Amino acid sequence: MAGISPARAFYSDETRTARADRSALEGAAPPTTRSIARIRQHMDRLTLFGLLAVTAMLVTYAFEQRSPWFILGFAGACALGSLYGFLQGAWPFGLVEAIWSLVALRRWRHARRR
């Protein structure tokens, strides 16, 4: 490496190959059936469960103003998110989601009384 300028070392063959690989990924075409199939292969059941739990949380939170039942749905979705967090091994996430579930249950009881 002695005698090689930093600019030349920066543009070594290995660096150019790695950059070309990264550029190919960044500028890739929209997902095709083959790439979607690859994504499905990498998504296990636990990840799918987490995706569904978080999606349910998002949807029920968005509709909370429409009915107290959506608040209850949000509490249930938070409980599912909590379960996902603990199953995945991310116990802080599971703990926070369990607390959110309890808060949402309290809000549901209060909203039901109004």
PDB file of N, CA and C in Angstrom:
ATOM      1  N   MET A   1       0.810  -1.188   0.000  1.00  0.00           N
ATOM      2  CA  MET A   1       0.000   0.000   0.000  1.00  0.00           C
ATOM      3  C   MET A   1       0.857   1.257   0.000  1.00  0.00           C
ATOM      4  N   ALA A   2       2.096   1.109   0.371  1.00  0.00           N
ATOM      5  CA  ALA A   2       2.954   2.285   0.398  1.00  0.00           C
ATOM      6  C   ALA A   2       3.111   2.814  -1.014  1.00  0.00           C
ATOM      7  N   GLY A   3       3.025   4.119  -1.165  1.00  0.00           N
ATOM      8  CA  GLY A   3       3.184   4.733  -2.466  1.00  0.00           C
ATOM      9  C   GLY A   3       1.886   4.859  -3.251  1.00  0.00           C
ATOM     10  N   ILE A   4       0.784   4.321  -2.744  1.00  0.00           N
ATOM     11  CA  ILE A   4      -0.507   4.436  -3.422  1.00  0.00           C
ATOM     12  C   ILE A   4      -1.265   5.592  -2.790  1.00  0.00           C
ATOM     13  N   SER A   5      -1.738   6.478  -3.629  1.00  0.00           N
ATOM     14  CA  SER A   5      -2.474   7.630  -3.112  1.00  0.00           C
ATOM     15  C   SER A   5      -3.817   7.182  -2.534  1.00  0.00           C
ATOM     16  N   PRO A   6      -4.358   7.935  -1.559  1.00  0.00           N
ATOM     17  CA  PRO A   6      -5.656   7.577  -0.983  1.00  0.00           C
ATOM     18  C   PRO A   6      -6.759   7.480  -2.037  1.00  0.00           C
ATOM     19  N   ALA A   7      -6.720   8.354  -3.037  1.00  0.00           N
ATOM     20  CA  ALA A   7      -7.746   8.312  -4.079  1.00  0.00           C
ATOM     21  C   ALA A   7      -7.657   7.018  -4.875  1.00  0.00           C
ATOM     22  N   ARG A   8      -6.442   6.599  -5.174  1.00  0.00           N
ATOM     23  CA  ARG A   8      -6.261   5.371  -5.945  1.00  0.00           C
ATOM     24  C   ARG A   8      -6.667   4.155  -5.119  1.00  0.00           C
ATOM     25  N   ALA A   9      -6.345   4.154  -3.818  1.00  0.00           N
ATOM     26  CA  ALA A   9      -6.739   3.053  -2.952  1.00  0.00           C
ATOM     27  C   ALA A   9      -8.259   3.012  -2.833  1.00  0.00           C
ATOM     28  N   PHE A  10      -8.866   4.185  -2.821  1.00  0.00           N
ATOM     29  CA  PHE A  10     -10.318   4.258  -2.710  1.00  0.00           C
ATOM     30  C   PHE A  10     -10.992   3.615  -3.917  1.00  0.00           C
ATOM     31  N   TYR A  11     -10.379   3.738  -5.073  1.00  0.00           N
ATOM     32  CA  TYR A  11     -10.961   3.188  -6.293  1.00  0.00           C
ATOM     33  C   TYR A  11     -10.289   1.887  -6.712  1.00  0.00           C
ATOM     34  N   SER A  12      -9.929   1.058  -5.761  1.00  0.00           N
ATOM     35  CA  SER A  12      -9.321  -0.228  -6.081  1.00  0.00           C
ATOM     36  C   SER A  12     -10.353  -1.126  -6.760  1.00  0.00           C
ATOM     37  N   ASP A  13      -9.882  -2.233  -7.297  1.00  0.00           N
ATOM     38  CA  ASP A  13     -10.785  -3.163  -7.986  1.00  0.00           C
ATOM     39  C   ASP A  13     -11.859  -3.697  -7.043  1.00  0.00           C
ATOM     40  N   GLU A  14     -11.469  -4.029  -5.813  1.00  0.00           N
ATOM     41  CA  GLU A  14     -12.449  -4.544  -4.856  1.00  0.00           C
ATOM     42  C   GLU A  14     -13.519  -3.508  -4.549  1.00  0.00           C
ATOM     43  N   THR A  15     -13.094  -2.264  -4.376  1.00  0.00           N
ATOM     44  CA  THR A  15     -14.045  -1.193  -4.071  1.00  0.00           C
ATOM     45  C   THR A  15     -14.998  -0.988  -5.237  1.00  0.00           C
ATOM     46  N   ARG A  16     -14.462  -0.977  -6.446  1.00  0.00           N
ATOM     47  CA  ARG A  16     -15.327  -0.792  -7.624  1.00  0.00           C
ATOM     48  C   ARG A  16     -16.327  -1.927  -7.754  1.00  0.00           C
ATOM     49  N   THR A  17     -15.906  -3.156  -7.491  1.00  0.00           N
ATOM     50  CA  THR A  17     -16.814  -4.297  -7.577  1.00  0.00           C
ATOM     51  C   THR A  17     -17.916  -4.176  -6.535  1.00  0.00           C
ATOM     52  N   ALA A  18     -17.532  -3.825  -5.323  1.00  0.00           N
ATOM     53  CA  ALA A  18     -18.533  -3.668  -4.257  1.00  0.00           C
ATOM     54  C   ALA A  18     -19.495  -2.544  -4.592  1.00  0.00           C
ATOM     55  N   ARG A  19     -18.975  -1.427  -5.132  1.00  0.00           N
ATOM     56  CA  ARG A  19     -19.849  -0.314  -5.505  1.00  0.00           C
ATOM     57  C   ARG A  19     -20.800  -0.715  -6.628  1.00  0.00           C
ATOM     58  N   ALA A  20     -20.316  -1.482  -7.574  1.00  0.00           N
ATOM     59  CA  ALA A  20     -21.173  -1.919  -8.680  1.00  0.00           C
ATOM     60  C   ALA A  20     -22.293  -2.815  -8.163  1.00  0.00           C
ATOM     61  N   ASP A  21     -21.946  -3.706  -7.233  1.00  0.00           N
ATOM     62  CA  ASP A  21     -22.975  -4.572  -6.651  1.00  0.00           C
ATOM     63  C   ASP A  21     -24.015  -3.739  -5.910  1.00  0.00           C
ATOM     64  N   ARG A  22     -23.565  -2.762  -5.125  1.00  0.00           N
ATOM     65  CA  ARG A  22     -24.490  -1.927  -4.363  1.00  0.00           C
ATOM     66  C   ARG A  22     -25.335  -1.076  -5.310  1.00  0.00           C
ATOM     67  N   SER A  23     -24.744  -0.547  -6.366  1.00  0.00           N
ATOM     68  CA  SER A  23     -25.491   0.267  -7.326  1.00  0.00           C
ATOM     69  C   SER A  23     -26.564  -0.562  -8.007  1.00  0.00           C
ATOM     70  N   ALA A  24     -26.241  -1.799  -8.292  1.00  0.00           N
ATOM     71  CA  ALA A  24     -27.227  -2.669  -8.939  1.00  0.00           C
ATOM     72  C   ALA A  24     -28.417  -2.884  -8.019  1.00  0.00           C
ATOM     73  N   LEU A  25     -28.157  -2.995  -6.722  1.00  0.00           N
ATOM     74  CA  LEU A  25     -29.251  -3.187  -5.773  1.00  0.00           C
ATOM     75  C   LEU A  25     -30.066  -1.916  -5.595  1.00  0.00           C
ATOM     76  N   GLU A  26     -29.384  -0.758  -5.500  1.00  0.00           N
ATOM     77  CA  GLU A  26     -30.084   0.497  -5.271  1.00  0.00           C
ATOM     78  C   GLU A  26     -30.932   0.914  -6.465  1.00  0.00           C
ATOM     79  N   GLY A  27     -30.473   0.633  -7.658  1.00  0.00           N
ATOM     80  CA  GLY A  27     -31.193   1.044  -8.846  1.00  0.00           C
ATOM     81  C   GLY A  27     -32.006  -0.085  -9.445  1.00  0.00           C
ATOM     82  N   ALA A  28     -32.358  -1.038  -8.634  1.00  0.00           N
ATOM     83  CA  ALA A  28     -33.068  -2.216  -9.128  1.00  0.00           C
ATOM     84  C   ALA A  28     -34.462  -1.847  -9.618  1.00  0.00           C
ATOM     85  N   ALA A  29     -34.947  -2.650 -10.509  1.00  0.00           N
ATOM     86  CA  ALA A  29     -36.288  -2.465 -11.063  1.00  0.00           C
ATOM     87  C   ALA A  29     -37.330  -2.752  -9.986  1.00  0.00           C
ATOM     88  N   PRO A  30     -38.576  -2.357 -10.226  1.00  0.00           N
ATOM     89  CA  PRO A  30     -39.636  -2.661  -9.260  1.00  0.00           C
ATOM     90  C   PRO A  30     -39.737  -4.164  -9.017  1.00  0.00           C
ATOM     91  N   PRO A  31     -40.307  -4.549  -7.867  1.00  0.00           N
ATOM     92  CA  PRO A  31     -40.358  -5.971  -7.541  1.00  0.00           C
ATOM     93  C   PRO A  31     -41.087  -6.787  -8.608  1.00  0.00           C
ATOM     94  N   THR A  32     -40.531  -7.912  -8.912  1.00  0.00           N
ATOM     95  CA  THR A  32     -41.154  -8.827  -9.853  1.00  0.00           C
ATOM     96  C   THR A  32     -41.688 -10.018  -9.069  1.00  0.00           C
ATOM     97  N   THR A  33     -42.339 -10.902  -9.761  1.00  0.00           N
ATOM     98  CA  THR A  33     -42.869 -12.094  -9.104  1.00  0.00           C
ATOM     99  C   THR A  33     -41.749 -12.883  -8.451  1.00  0.00           C
ATOM    100  N   ARG A  34     -40.600 -12.936  -9.102  1.00  0.00           N
ATOM    101  CA  ARG A  34     -39.473 -13.683  -8.556  1.00  0.00           C
ATOM    102  C   ARG A  34     -38.960 -13.037  -7.276  1.00  0.00           C
ATOM    103  N   SER A  35     -38.837 -11.699  -7.261  1.00  0.00           N
ATOM    104  CA  SER A  35     -38.331 -11.041  -6.056  1.00  0.00           C
ATOM    105  C   SER A  35     -39.347 -11.117  -4.921  1.00  0.00           C
ATOM    106  N   ILE A  36     -40.633 -11.061  -5.241  1.00  0.00           N
ATOM    107  CA  ILE A  36     -41.660 -11.205  -4.209  1.00  0.00           C
ATOM    108  C   ILE A  36     -41.611 -12.605  -3.621  1.00  0.00           C
ATOM    109  N   ALA A  37     -41.363 -13.597  -4.454  1.00  0.00           N
ATOM    110  CA  ALA A  37     -41.241 -14.974  -3.963  1.00  0.00           C
ATOM    111  C   ALA A  37     -40.040 -15.092  -3.023  1.00  0.00           C
ATOM    112  N   ARG A  38     -38.949 -14.383  -3.338  1.00  0.00           N
ATOM    113  CA  ARG A  38     -37.778 -14.396  -2.462  1.00  0.00           C
ATOM    114  C   ARG A  38     -38.084 -13.769  -1.113  1.00  0.00           C
ATOM    115  N   ILE A  39     -38.846 -12.691  -1.132  1.00  0.00           N
ATOM    116  CA  ILE A  39     -39.231 -12.028   0.121  1.00  0.00           C
ATOM    117  C   ILE A  39     -40.073 -12.982   0.958  1.00  0.00           C
ATOM    118  N   ARG A  40     -40.996 -13.666   0.336  1.00  0.00           N
ATOM    119  CA  ARG A  40     -41.838 -14.609   1.069  1.00  0.00           C
ATOM    120  C   ARG A  40     -41.031 -15.728   1.689  1.00  0.00           C
ATOM    121  N   GLN A  41     -39.974 -16.156   1.006  1.00  0.00           N
ATOM    122  CA  GLN A  41     -39.140 -17.215   1.546  1.00  0.00           C
ATOM    123  C   GLN A  41     -38.441 -16.758   2.822  1.00  0.00           C
ATOM    124  N   HIS A  42     -38.090 -15.468   2.892  1.00  0.00           N
ATOM    125  CA  HIS A  42     -37.352 -14.951   4.042  1.00  0.00           C
ATOM    126  C   HIS A  42     -38.263 -14.527   5.187  1.00  0.00           C
ATOM    127  N   MET A  43     -39.559 -14.403   4.939  1.00  0.00           N
ATOM    128  CA  MET A  43     -40.475 -13.975   5.984  1.00  0.00           C
ATOM    129  C   MET A  43     -41.049 -15.213   6.670  1.00  0.00           C
ATOM    130  N   ASP A  44     -40.609 -15.436   7.883  1.00  0.00           N
ATOM    131  CA  ASP A  44     -41.120 -16.595   8.611  1.00  0.00           C
ATOM    132  C   ASP A  44     -42.456 -16.261   9.271  1.00  0.00           C
ATOM    133  N   ARG A  45     -43.026 -17.234   9.930  1.00  0.00           N
ATOM    134  CA  ARG A  45     -44.353 -17.050  10.537  1.00  0.00           C
ATOM    135  C   ARG A  45     -44.347 -15.994  11.632  1.00  0.00           C
ATOM    136  N   LEU A  46     -43.283 -15.945  12.411  1.00  0.00           N
ATOM    137  CA  LEU A  46     -43.209 -14.968  13.493  1.00  0.00           C
ATOM    138  C   LEU A  46     -43.164 -13.546  12.933  1.00  0.00           C
ATOM    139  N   THR A  47     -42.401 -13.335  11.877  1.00  0.00           N
ATOM    140  CA  THR A  47     -42.334 -12.021  11.249  1.00  0.00           C
ATOM    141  C   THR A  47     -43.682 -11.636  10.664  1.00  0.00           C
ATOM    142  N   LEU A  48     -44.358 -12.578  10.040  1.00  0.00           N
ATOM    143  CA  LEU A  48     -45.682 -12.319   9.493  1.00  0.00           C
ATOM    144  C   LEU A  48     -46.668 -11.967  10.602  1.00  0.00           C
ATOM    145  N   PHE A  49     -46.584 -12.684  11.726  1.00  0.00           N
ATOM    146  CA  PHE A  49     -47.431 -12.382  12.876  1.00  0.00           C
ATOM    147  C   PHE A  49     -47.182 -10.957  13.370  1.00  0.00           C
ATOM    148  N   GLY A  50     -45.927 -10.565  13.473  1.00  0.00           N
ATOM    149  CA  GLY A  50     -45.584  -9.209  13.903  1.00  0.00           C
ATOM    150  C   GLY A  50     -46.085  -8.159  12.937  1.00  0.00           C
ATOM    151  N   LEU A  51     -45.968  -8.438  11.648  1.00  0.00           N
ATOM    152  CA  LEU A  51     -46.471  -7.513  10.638  1.00  0.00           C
ATOM    153  C   LEU A  51     -47.973  -7.332  10.763  1.00  0.00           C
ATOM    154  N   LEU A  52     -48.690  -8.418  10.958  1.00  0.00           N
ATOM    155  CA  LEU A  52     -50.145  -8.337  11.104  1.00  0.00           C
ATOM    156  C   LEU A  52     -50.538  -7.610  12.388  1.00  0.00           C
ATOM    157  N   ALA A  53     -49.812  -7.850  13.472  1.00  0.00           N
ATOM    158  CA  ALA A  53     -50.114  -7.178  14.737  1.00  0.00           C
ATOM    159  C   ALA A  53     -49.903  -5.675  14.624  1.00  0.00           C
ATOM    160  N   VAL A  54     -48.799  -5.260  14.041  1.00  0.00           N
ATOM    161  CA  VAL A  54     -48.517  -3.832  13.909  1.00  0.00           C
ATOM    162  C   VAL A  54     -49.483  -3.180  12.922  1.00  0.00           C
ATOM    163  N   THR A  55     -49.857  -3.889  11.863  1.00  0.00           N
ATOM    164  CA  THR A  55     -50.840  -3.354  10.920  1.00  0.00           C
ATOM    165  C   THR A  55     -52.190  -3.169  11.606  1.00  0.00           C
ATOM    166  N   ALA A  56     -52.581  -4.136  12.423  1.00  0.00           N
ATOM    167  CA  ALA A  56     -53.839  -4.011  13.167  1.00  0.00           C
ATOM    168  C   ALA A  56     -53.782  -2.830  14.126  1.00  0.00           C
ATOM    169  N   MET A  57     -52.643  -2.613  14.751  1.00  0.00           N
ATOM    170  CA  MET A  57     -52.488  -1.464  15.640  1.00  0.00           C
ATOM    171  C   MET A  57     -52.679  -0.160  14.872  1.00  0.00           C
ATOM    172  N   LEU A  58     -52.072  -0.071  13.725  1.00  0.00           N
ATOM    173  CA  LEU A  58     -52.158   1.141  12.913  1.00  0.00           C
ATOM    174  C   LEU A  58     -53.592   1.423  12.471  1.00  0.00           C
ATOM    175  N   VAL A  59     -54.266   0.401  11.987  1.00  0.00           N
ATOM    176  CA  VAL A  59     -55.633   0.571  11.482  1.00  0.00           C
ATOM    177  C   VAL A  59     -56.592   0.931  12.609  1.00  0.00           C
ATOM    178  N   THR A  60     -56.528   0.210  13.717  1.00  0.00           N
ATOM    179  CA  THR A  60     -57.455   0.484  14.810  1.00  0.00           C
ATOM    180  C   THR A  60     -57.172   1.840  15.451  1.00  0.00           C
ATOM    181  N   TYR A  61     -55.918   2.236  15.515  1.00  0.00           N
ATOM    182  CA  TYR A  61     -55.587   3.558  16.060  1.00  0.00           C
ATOM    183  C   TYR A  61     -56.157   4.658  15.167  1.00  0.00           C
ATOM    184  N   ALA A  62     -56.092   4.451  13.866  1.00  0.00           N
ATOM    185  CA  ALA A  62     -56.596   5.457  12.931  1.00  0.00           C
ATOM    186  C   ALA A  62     -58.103   5.656  13.058  1.00  0.00           C
ATOM    187  N   PHE A  63     -58.830   4.607  13.468  1.00  0.00           N
ATOM    188  CA  PHE A  63     -60.292   4.687  13.544  1.00  0.00           C
ATOM    189  C   PHE A  63     -60.829   4.832  14.966  1.00  0.00           C
ATOM    190  N   GLU A  64     -59.956   5.114  15.939  1.00  0.00           N
ATOM    191  CA  GLU A  64     -60.401   5.201  17.332  1.00  0.00           C
ATOM    192  C   GLU A  64     -61.512   6.220  17.566  1.00  0.00           C
ATOM    193  N   GLN A  65     -61.524   7.303  16.816  1.00  0.00           N
ATOM    194  CA  GLN A  65     -62.525   8.357  17.021  1.00  0.00           C
ATOM    195  C   GLN A  65     -63.919   7.926  16.577  1.00  0.00           C
ATOM    196  N   ARG A  66     -64.002   6.897  15.771  1.00  0.00           N
ATOM    197  CA  ARG A  66     -65.293   6.460  15.237  1.00  0.00           C
ATOM    198  C   ARG A  66     -66.120   5.650  16.222  1.00  0.00           C
ATOM    199  N   SER A  67     -65.452   4.876  17.067  1.00  0.00           N
ATOM    200  CA  SER A  67     -66.189   4.018  17.983  1.00  0.00           C
ATOM    201  C   SER A  67     -65.264   3.541  19.106  1.00  0.00           C
ATOM    202  N   PRO A  68     -65.814   3.381  20.309  1.00  0.00           N
ATOM    203  CA  PRO A  68     -64.991   2.817  21.393  1.00  0.00           C
ATOM    204  C   PRO A  68     -64.501   1.406  21.085  1.00  0.00           C
ATOM    205  N   TRP A  69     -65.181   0.710  20.187  1.00  0.00           N
ATOM    206  CA  TRP A  69     -64.764  -0.646  19.837  1.00  0.00           C
ATOM    207  C   TRP A  69     -63.408  -0.656  19.133  1.00  0.00           C
ATOM    208  N   PHE A  70     -63.084   0.431  18.430  1.00  0.00           N
ATOM    209  CA  PHE A  70     -61.764   0.510  17.812  1.00  0.00           C
ATOM    210  C   PHE A  70     -60.684   0.704  18.878  1.00  0.00           C
ATOM    211  N   ILE A  71     -61.043   1.357  19.988  1.00  0.00           N
ATOM    212  CA  ILE A  71     -60.089   1.485  21.095  1.00  0.00           C
ATOM    213  C   ILE A  71     -59.820   0.107  21.690  1.00  0.00           C
ATOM    214  N   LEU A  72     -60.878  -0.676  21.845  1.00  0.00           N
ATOM    215  CA  LEU A  72     -60.699  -2.048  22.341  1.00  0.00           C
ATOM    216  C   LEU A  72     -59.875  -2.873  21.347  1.00  0.00           C
ATOM    217  N   GLY A  73     -60.135  -2.691  20.059  1.00  0.00           N
ATOM    218  CA  GLY A  73     -59.337  -3.377  19.038  1.00  0.00           C
ATOM    219  C   GLY A  73     -57.872  -2.979  19.099  1.00  0.00           C
ATOM    220  N   PHE A  74     -57.624  -1.688  19.374  1.00  0.00           N
ATOM    221  CA  PHE A  74     -56.248  -1.216  19.517  1.00  0.00           C
ATOM    222  C   PHE A  74     -55.583  -1.887  20.719  1.00  0.00           C
ATOM    223  N   ALA A  75     -56.335  -2.034  21.811  1.00  0.00           N
ATOM    224  CA  ALA A  75     -55.786  -2.701  22.993  1.00  0.00           C
ATOM    225  C   ALA A  75     -55.418  -4.153  22.664  1.00  0.00           C
ATOM    226  N   GLY A  76     -56.297  -4.831  21.937  1.00  0.00           N
ATOM    227  CA  GLY A  76     -56.007  -6.209  21.531  1.00  0.00           C
ATOM    228  C   GLY A  76     -54.815  -6.296  20.598  1.00  0.00           C
ATOM    229  N   ALA A  77     -54.732  -5.357  19.667  1.00  0.00           N
ATOM    230  CA  ALA A  77     -53.600  -5.348  18.735  1.00  0.00           C
ATOM    231  C   ALA A  77     -52.294  -5.066  19.474  1.00  0.00           C
ATOM    232  N   CYS A  78     -52.344  -4.184  20.474  1.00  0.00           N
ATOM    233  CA  CYS A  78     -51.144  -3.927  21.286  1.00  0.00           C
ATOM    234  C   CYS A  78     -50.737  -5.180  22.056  1.00  0.00           C
ATOM    235  N   ALA A  79     -51.725  -5.925  22.544  1.00  0.00           N
ATOM    236  CA  ALA A  79     -51.421  -7.182  23.243  1.00  0.00           C
ATOM    237  C   ALA A  79     -50.747  -8.170  22.283  1.00  0.00           C
ATOM    238  N   LEU A  80     -51.230  -8.224  21.047  1.00  0.00           N
ATOM    239  CA  LEU A  80     -50.582  -9.096  20.052  1.00  0.00           C
ATOM    240  C   LEU A  80     -49.168  -8.610  19.745  1.00  0.00           C
ATOM    241  N   GLY A  81     -49.002  -7.289  19.647  1.00  0.00           N
ATOM    242  CA  GLY A  81     -47.669  -6.725  19.426  1.00  0.00           C
ATOM    243  C   GLY A  81     -46.737  -7.042  20.581  1.00  0.00           C
ATOM    244  N   SER A  82     -47.277  -7.019  21.794  1.00  0.00           N
ATOM    245  CA  SER A  82     -46.493  -7.364  22.968  1.00  0.00           C
ATOM    246  C   SER A  82     -46.052  -8.827  22.912  1.00  0.00           C
ATOM    247  N   LEU A  83     -46.979  -9.688  22.565  1.00  0.00           N
ATOM    248  CA  LEU A  83     -46.658 -11.109  22.426  1.00  0.00           C
ATOM    249  C   LEU A  83     -45.566 -11.308  21.380  1.00  0.00           C
ATOM    250  N   TYR A  84     -45.685 -10.618  20.264  1.00  0.00           N
ATOM    251  CA  TYR A  84     -44.665 -10.700  19.220  1.00  0.00           C
ATOM    252  C   TYR A  84     -43.299 -10.261  19.757  1.00  0.00           C
ATOM    253  N   GLY A  85     -43.284  -9.146  20.491  1.00  0.00           N
ATOM    254  CA  GLY A  85     -42.021  -8.659  21.032  1.00  0.00           C
ATOM    255  C   GLY A  85     -41.346  -9.671  21.938  1.00  0.00           C
ATOM    256  N   PHE A  86     -42.138 -10.284  22.821  1.00  0.00           N
ATOM    257  CA  PHE A  86     -41.552 -11.284  23.721  1.00  0.00           C
ATOM    258  C   PHE A  86     -41.105 -12.533  22.966  1.00  0.00           C
ATOM    259  N   LEU A  87     -41.908 -12.978  21.990  1.00  0.00           N
ATOM    260  CA  LEU A  87     -41.533 -14.173  21.221  1.00  0.00           C
ATOM    261  C   LEU A  87     -40.280 -13.943  20.395  1.00  0.00           C
ATOM    262  N   GLN A  88     -40.121 -12.719  19.911  1.00  0.00           N
ATOM    263  CA  GLN A  88     -38.975 -12.399  19.081  1.00  0.00           C
ATOM    264  C   GLN A  88     -37.715 -12.221  19.920  1.00  0.00           C
ATOM    265  N   GLY A  89     -37.883 -11.970  21.195  1.00  0.00           N
ATOM    266  CA  GLY A  89     -36.731 -11.763  22.065  1.00  0.00           C
ATOM    267  C   GLY A  89     -36.458 -10.300  22.340  1.00  0.00           C
ATOM    268  N   ALA A  90     -37.329  -9.421  21.873  1.00  0.00           N
ATOM    269  CA  ALA A  90     -37.180  -7.988  22.120  1.00  0.00           C
ATOM    270  C   ALA A  90     -38.088  -7.617  23.293  1.00  0.00           C
ATOM    271  N   TRP A  91     -37.678  -8.033  24.506  1.00  0.00           N
ATOM    272  CA  TRP A  91     -38.542  -7.856  25.665  1.00  0.00           C
ATOM    273  C   TRP A  91     -38.875  -6.398  25.970  1.00  0.00           C
ATOM    274  N   PRO A  92     -37.990  -5.408  25.702  1.00  0.00           N
ATOM    275  CA  PRO A  92     -38.408  -4.023  25.957  1.00  0.00           C
ATOM    276  C   PRO A  92     -39.611  -3.619  25.092  1.00  0.00           C
ATOM    277  N   PHE A  93     -39.606  -4.045  23.833  1.00  0.00           N
ATOM    278  CA  PHE A  93     -40.738  -3.772  22.946  1.00  0.00           C
ATOM    279  C   PHE A  93     -41.993  -4.463  23.478  1.00  0.00           C
ATOM    280  N   GLY A  94     -41.858  -5.703  23.903  1.00  0.00           N
ATOM    281  CA  GLY A  94     -42.992  -6.434  24.455  1.00  0.00           C
ATOM    282  C   GLY A  94     -43.548  -5.770  25.699  1.00  0.00           C
ATOM    283  N   LEU A  95     -42.669  -5.267  26.539  1.00  0.00           N
ATOM    284  CA  LEU A  95     -43.095  -4.595  27.764  1.00  0.00           C
ATOM    285  C   LEU A  95     -43.838  -3.290  27.456  1.00  0.00           C
ATOM    286  N   VAL A  96     -43.292  -2.499  26.562  1.00  0.00           N
ATOM    287  CA  VAL A  96     -43.933  -1.227  26.192  1.00  0.00           C
ATOM    288  C   VAL A  96     -45.291  -1.481  25.548  1.00  0.00           C
ATOM    289  N   GLU A  97     -45.390  -2.462  24.700  1.00  0.00           N
ATOM    290  CA  GLU A  97     -46.672  -2.762  24.058  1.00  0.00           C
ATOM    291  C   GLU A  97     -47.695  -3.276  25.071  1.00  0.00           C
ATOM    292  N   ALA A  98     -47.241  -4.015  26.076  1.00  0.00           N
ATOM    293  CA  ALA A  98     -48.151  -4.478  27.130  1.00  0.00           C
ATOM    294  C   ALA A  98     -48.699  -3.286  27.911  1.00  0.00           C
ATOM    295  N   ILE A  99     -47.850  -2.312  28.182  1.00  0.00           N
ATOM    296  CA  ILE A  99     -48.303  -1.099  28.873  1.00  0.00           C
ATOM    297  C   ILE A  99     -49.301  -0.343  28.013  1.00  0.00           C
ATOM    298  N   TRP A 100     -49.012  -0.205  26.712  1.00  0.00           N
ATOM    299  CA  TRP A 100     -49.950   0.467  25.800  1.00  0.00           C
ATOM    300  C   TRP A 100     -51.289  -0.257  25.770  1.00  0.00           C
ATOM    301  N   SER A 101     -51.253  -1.565  25.841  1.00  0.00           N
ATOM    302  CA  SER A 101     -52.488  -2.338  25.847  1.00  0.00           C
ATOM    303  C   SER A 101     -53.318  -2.010  27.084  1.00  0.00           C
ATOM    304  N   LEU A 102     -52.669  -1.925  28.246  1.00  0.00           N
ATOM    305  CA  LEU A 102     -53.379  -1.571  29.474  1.00  0.00           C
ATOM    306  C   LEU A 102     -53.931  -0.149  29.426  1.00  0.00           C
ATOM    307  N   VAL A 103     -53.155   0.771  28.880  1.00  0.00           N
ATOM    308  CA  VAL A 103     -53.626   2.158  28.737  1.00  0.00           C
ATOM    309  C   VAL A 103     -54.838   2.208  27.817  1.00  0.00           C
ATOM    310  N   ALA A 104     -54.787   1.472  26.718  1.00  0.00           N
ATOM    311  CA  ALA A 104     -55.915   1.459  25.777  1.00  0.00           C
ATOM    312  C   ALA A 104     -57.149   0.829  26.404  1.00  0.00           C
ATOM    313  N   LEU A 105     -56.976  -0.205  27.207  1.00  0.00           N
ATOM    314  CA  LEU A 105     -58.120  -0.803  27.907  1.00  0.00           C
ATOM    315  C   LEU A 105     -58.766   0.206  28.857  1.00  0.00           C
ATOM    316  N   ARG A 106     -57.951   0.961  29.545  1.00  0.00           N
ATOM    317  CA  ARG A 106     -58.477   1.993  30.444  1.00  0.00           C
ATOM    318  C   ARG A 106     -59.232   3.061  29.648  1.00  0.00           C
ATOM    319  N   ARG A 107     -58.659   3.480  28.521  1.00  0.00           N
ATOM    320  CA  ARG A 107     -59.333   4.468  27.671  1.00  0.00           C
ATOM    321  C   ARG A 107     -60.648   3.920  27.135  1.00  0.00           C
ATOM    322  N   TRP A 108     -60.687   2.625  26.798  1.00  0.00           N
ATOM    323  CA  TRP A 108     -61.918   2.015  26.288  1.00  0.00           C
ATOM    324  C   TRP A 108     -63.007   2.027  27.359  1.00  0.00           C
ATOM    325  N   ARG A 109     -62.626   1.659  28.592  1.00  0.00           N
ATOM    326  CA  ARG A 109     -63.621   1.691  29.683  1.00  0.00           C
ATOM    327  C   ARG A 109     -64.157   3.099  29.901  1.00  0.00           C
ATOM    328  N   HIS A 110     -63.287   4.086  29.841  1.00  0.00           N
ATOM    329  CA  HIS A 110     -63.708   5.472  30.019  1.00  0.00           C
ATOM    330  C   HIS A 110     -64.595   5.923  28.862  1.00  0.00           C
ATOM    331  N   ALA A 111     -64.253   5.575  27.643  1.00  0.00           N
ATOM    332  CA  ALA A 111     -65.031   5.975  26.460  1.00  0.00           C
ATOM    333  C   ALA A 111     -66.400   5.287  26.449  1.00  0.00           C
ATOM    334  N   ARG A 112     -66.479   4.084  26.949  1.00  0.00           N
ATOM    335  CA  ARG A 112     -67.731   3.348  26.984  1.00  0.00           C
ATOM    336  C   ARG A 112     -68.732   3.982  27.948  1.00  0.00           C
ATOM    337  N   ARG A 113     -68.229   4.579  29.023  1.00  0.00           N
ATOM    338  CA  ARG A 113     -69.090   5.211  30.011  1.00  0.00           C
ATOM    339  C   ARG A 113     -69.685   6.529  29.532  1.00  0.00           C
ATOM    340  N   ARG A 114     -69.044   7.190  28.579  1.00  0.00           N
ATOM    341  CA  ARG A 114     -69.546   8.488  28.093  1.00  0.00           C
ATOM    342  C   ARG A 114     -70.774   8.361  27.299  1.00  0.00           C
TER     343      ARG A 114
END
